[in-house]
Amino acid sequence: MRTCALYDSTVKTIGFDEIRVRYRQQRRNLIKEIIISQLTGGLLDEYISTKTAELVKEEDRQLFVEDVKENLREIDRSRIAGLGITLEQLDMERDAELESMIKP
């Protein structure tokens, strides 16, 4: 009982992203597919929206999409462990993203 109370107070203190935890595997698989496919811009948004509708309960979708986009913004070489992608795939995805930003 005391352990549960300590856990509850720790969760309240550091915060707990239930959506991130509940859909961890789905989010990681989605990010992997985005990186491998080198999706950017409108295609990226469309893919995230379509897959989210398939994988996530409607009431959780907005927060799930926010988590996915945050992960994509912050992903780097130190954060790909367990995703099933290589450093080269990550670098290629980043190059494609940069190229799409400078295209007219």
C-alpha atoms as a PDB file:
ATOM      1  CA  MET A   1       0.000   0.000   0.000  1.00  0.00           C
ATOM      2  CA  ARG A   2       2.799   2.405   0.841  1.00  0.00           C
ATOM      3  CA  THR A   3       4.535   1.639  -2.491  1.00  0.00           C
ATOM      4  CA  CYS A   4       1.357   2.527  -4.383  1.00  0.00           C
ATOM      5  CA  ALA A   5       1.087   5.831  -2.537  1.00  0.00           C
ATOM      6  CA  LEU A   6       4.730   6.623  -3.316  1.00  0.00           C
ATOM      7  CA  TYR A   7       4.173   5.723  -6.973  1.00  0.00           C
ATOM      8  CA  ASP A   8       1.076   7.941  -7.159  1.00  0.00           C
ATOM      9  CA  SER A   9       2.902  10.905  -5.653  1.00  0.00           C
ATOM     10  CA  THR A  10       5.877  10.378  -8.000  1.00  0.00           C
ATOM     11  CA  VAL A  11       3.604  10.258 -11.048  1.00  0.00           C
ATOM     12  CA  LYS A  12       1.882  13.464  -9.944  1.00  0.00           C
ATOM     13  CA  THR A  13       5.232  15.148  -9.379  1.00  0.00           C
ATOM     14  CA  ILE A  14       6.920  14.277 -12.675  1.00  0.00           C
ATOM     15  CA  GLY A  15       3.797  14.037 -14.792  1.00  0.00           C
ATOM     16  CA  PHE A  16       2.503  11.036 -16.662  1.00  0.00           C
ATOM     17  CA  ASP A  17       1.682  11.059 -20.352  1.00  0.00           C
ATOM     18  CA  GLU A  18      -0.910   8.304 -20.527  1.00  0.00           C
ATOM     19  CA  ILE A  19      -1.263   8.585 -24.312  1.00  0.00           C
ATOM     20  CA  ARG A  20       2.499   8.248 -24.805  1.00  0.00           C
ATOM     21  CA  VAL A  21       2.536   5.106 -22.673  1.00  0.00           C
ATOM     22  CA  ARG A  22      -0.693   3.551 -23.987  1.00  0.00           C
ATOM     23  CA  TYR A  23       0.268   3.907 -27.648  1.00  0.00           C
ATOM     24  CA  ARG A  24       4.035   3.518 -27.314  1.00  0.00           C
ATOM     25  CA  GLN A  25       4.396   0.676 -29.813  1.00  0.00           C
ATOM     26  CA  GLN A  26       2.053   2.250 -32.352  1.00  0.00           C
ATOM     27  CA  ARG A  27       3.896   5.577 -32.102  1.00  0.00           C
ATOM     28  CA  ARG A  28       7.307   3.947 -32.503  1.00  0.00           C
ATOM     29  CA  ASN A  29       6.147   1.908 -35.520  1.00  0.00           C
ATOM     30  CA  LEU A  30       4.647   5.015 -37.123  1.00  0.00           C
ATOM     31  CA  ILE A  31       7.866   6.990 -36.624  1.00  0.00           C
ATOM     32  CA  LYS A  32       9.884   4.102 -38.066  1.00  0.00           C
ATOM     33  CA  GLU A  33       7.722   3.975 -41.198  1.00  0.00           C
ATOM     34  CA  ILE A  34       7.895   7.762 -41.634  1.00  0.00           C
ATOM     35  CA  ILE A  35      11.681   7.732 -41.445  1.00  0.00           C
ATOM     36  CA  ILE A  36      12.100   4.746 -43.753  1.00  0.00           C
ATOM     37  CA  SER A  37       9.669   6.259 -46.290  1.00  0.00           C
ATOM     38  CA  GLN A  38      11.260   9.726 -45.977  1.00  0.00           C
ATOM     39  CA  LEU A  39       7.853  11.406 -45.748  1.00  0.00           C
ATOM     40  CA  THR A  40       7.756  15.198 -45.461  1.00  0.00           C
ATOM     41  CA  GLY A  41       5.325  18.082 -45.787  1.00  0.00           C
ATOM     42  CA  GLY A  42       1.760  17.339 -46.812  1.00  0.00           C
ATOM     43  CA  LEU A  43       2.440  13.639 -47.391  1.00  0.00           C
ATOM     44  CA  LEU A  44       3.757  13.364 -43.848  1.00  0.00           C
ATOM     45  CA  ASP A  45       0.699  15.069 -42.363  1.00  0.00           C
ATOM     46  CA  GLU A  46      -1.657  12.934 -44.443  1.00  0.00           C
ATOM     47  CA  TYR A  47       0.142   9.719 -43.453  1.00  0.00           C
ATOM     48  CA  ILE A  48       0.081  10.604 -39.752  1.00  0.00           C
ATOM     49  CA  SER A  49      -3.618  11.459 -39.948  1.00  0.00           C
ATOM     50  CA  THR A  50      -4.551   8.270 -41.809  1.00  0.00           C
ATOM     51  CA  LYS A  51      -2.540   5.944 -39.591  1.00  0.00           C
ATOM     52  CA  THR A  52      -3.721   7.669 -36.420  1.00  0.00           C
ATOM     53  CA  ALA A  53      -7.345   7.134 -37.465  1.00  0.00           C
ATOM     54  CA  GLU A  54      -6.583   3.424 -37.906  1.00  0.00           C
ATOM     55  CA  LEU A  55      -4.584   2.912 -34.716  1.00  0.00           C
ATOM     56  CA  VAL A  56      -5.855   5.283 -32.040  1.00  0.00           C
ATOM     57  CA  LYS A  57      -9.183   5.842 -30.310  1.00  0.00           C
ATOM     58  CA  GLU A  58     -10.834   9.053 -31.455  1.00  0.00           C
ATOM     59  CA  GLU A  59     -10.601  10.765 -28.072  1.00  0.00           C
ATOM     60  CA  ASP A  60      -6.816  10.147 -27.960  1.00  0.00           C
ATOM     61  CA  ARG A  61      -5.916  11.176 -31.508  1.00  0.00           C
ATOM     62  CA  GLN A  62      -4.982  14.825 -31.004  1.00  0.00           C
ATOM     63  CA  LEU A  63      -2.544  14.073 -28.194  1.00  0.00           C
ATOM     64  CA  PHE A  64      -1.143  11.087 -30.087  1.00  0.00           C
ATOM     65  CA  VAL A  65      -0.429  13.249 -33.156  1.00  0.00           C
ATOM     66  CA  GLU A  66       1.246  15.858 -30.936  1.00  0.00           C
ATOM     67  CA  ASP A  67       3.463  13.145 -29.430  1.00  0.00           C
ATOM     68  CA  VAL A  68       4.405  11.780 -32.862  1.00  0.00           C
ATOM     69  CA  LYS A  69       5.275  15.228 -34.221  1.00  0.00           C
ATOM     70  CA  GLU A  70       7.280  16.079 -31.115  1.00  0.00           C
ATOM     71  CA  ASN A  71       9.238  12.838 -31.465  1.00  0.00           C
ATOM     72  CA  LEU A  72       9.929  13.555 -35.133  1.00  0.00           C
ATOM     73  CA  ARG A  73      11.155  17.077 -34.350  1.00  0.00           C
ATOM     74  CA  GLU A  74      13.472  15.872 -31.622  1.00  0.00           C
ATOM     75  CA  ILE A  75      14.713  12.576 -33.024  1.00  0.00           C
ATOM     76  CA  ASP A  76      18.433  12.321 -33.513  1.00  0.00           C
ATOM     77  CA  ARG A  77      21.121   9.661 -33.569  1.00  0.00           C
ATOM     78  CA  SER A  78      20.908   9.165 -29.803  1.00  0.00           C
ATOM     79  CA  ARG A  79      17.159   8.389 -29.898  1.00  0.00           C
ATOM     80  CA  ILE A  80      16.809   5.699 -32.537  1.00  0.00           C
ATOM     81  CA  ALA A  81      17.673   2.696 -30.365  1.00  0.00           C
ATOM     82  CA  GLY A  82      14.958   0.082 -30.697  1.00  0.00           C
ATOM     83  CA  LEU A  83      13.200   1.767 -33.614  1.00  0.00           C
ATOM     84  CA  GLY A  84      14.601  -0.646 -36.170  1.00  0.00           C
ATOM     85  CA  ILE A  85      16.191   2.024 -38.341  1.00  0.00           C
ATOM     86  CA  THR A  86      19.785   2.700 -39.195  1.00  0.00           C
ATOM     87  CA  LEU A  87      21.756   5.895 -38.809  1.00  0.00           C
ATOM     88  CA  GLU A  88      21.861   6.120 -42.594  1.00  0.00           C
ATOM     89  CA  GLN A  89      18.058   5.965 -42.828  1.00  0.00           C
ATOM     90  CA  LEU A  90      17.760   8.718 -40.242  1.00  0.00           C
ATOM     91  CA  ASP A  91      20.274  10.856 -42.111  1.00  0.00           C
ATOM     92  CA  MET A  92      18.455  10.273 -45.426  1.00  0.00           C
ATOM     93  CA  GLU A  93      15.138  11.265 -43.815  1.00  0.00           C
ATOM     94  CA  ARG A  94      16.677  14.449 -42.420  1.00  0.00           C
ATOM     95  CA  ASP A  95      18.160  15.291 -45.834  1.00  0.00           C
ATOM     96  CA  ALA A  96      14.740  14.782 -47.462  1.00  0.00           C
ATOM     97  CA  GLU A  97      13.136  16.994 -44.816  1.00  0.00           C
ATOM     98  CA  LEU A  98      15.647  19.787 -45.369  1.00  0.00           C
ATOM     99  CA  GLU A  99      15.281  19.532 -49.137  1.00  0.00           C
ATOM    100  CA  SER A 100      11.485  19.817 -48.877  1.00  0.00           C
ATOM    101  CA  MET A 101      11.874  22.972 -46.769  1.00  0.00           C
ATOM    102  CA  ILE A 102      13.932  24.787 -49.407  1.00  0.00           C
ATOM    103  CA  LYS A 103      11.901  23.765 -52.453  1.00  0.00           C
ATOM    104  CA  PRO A 104       9.726  26.589 -53.785  1.00  0.00           C
END
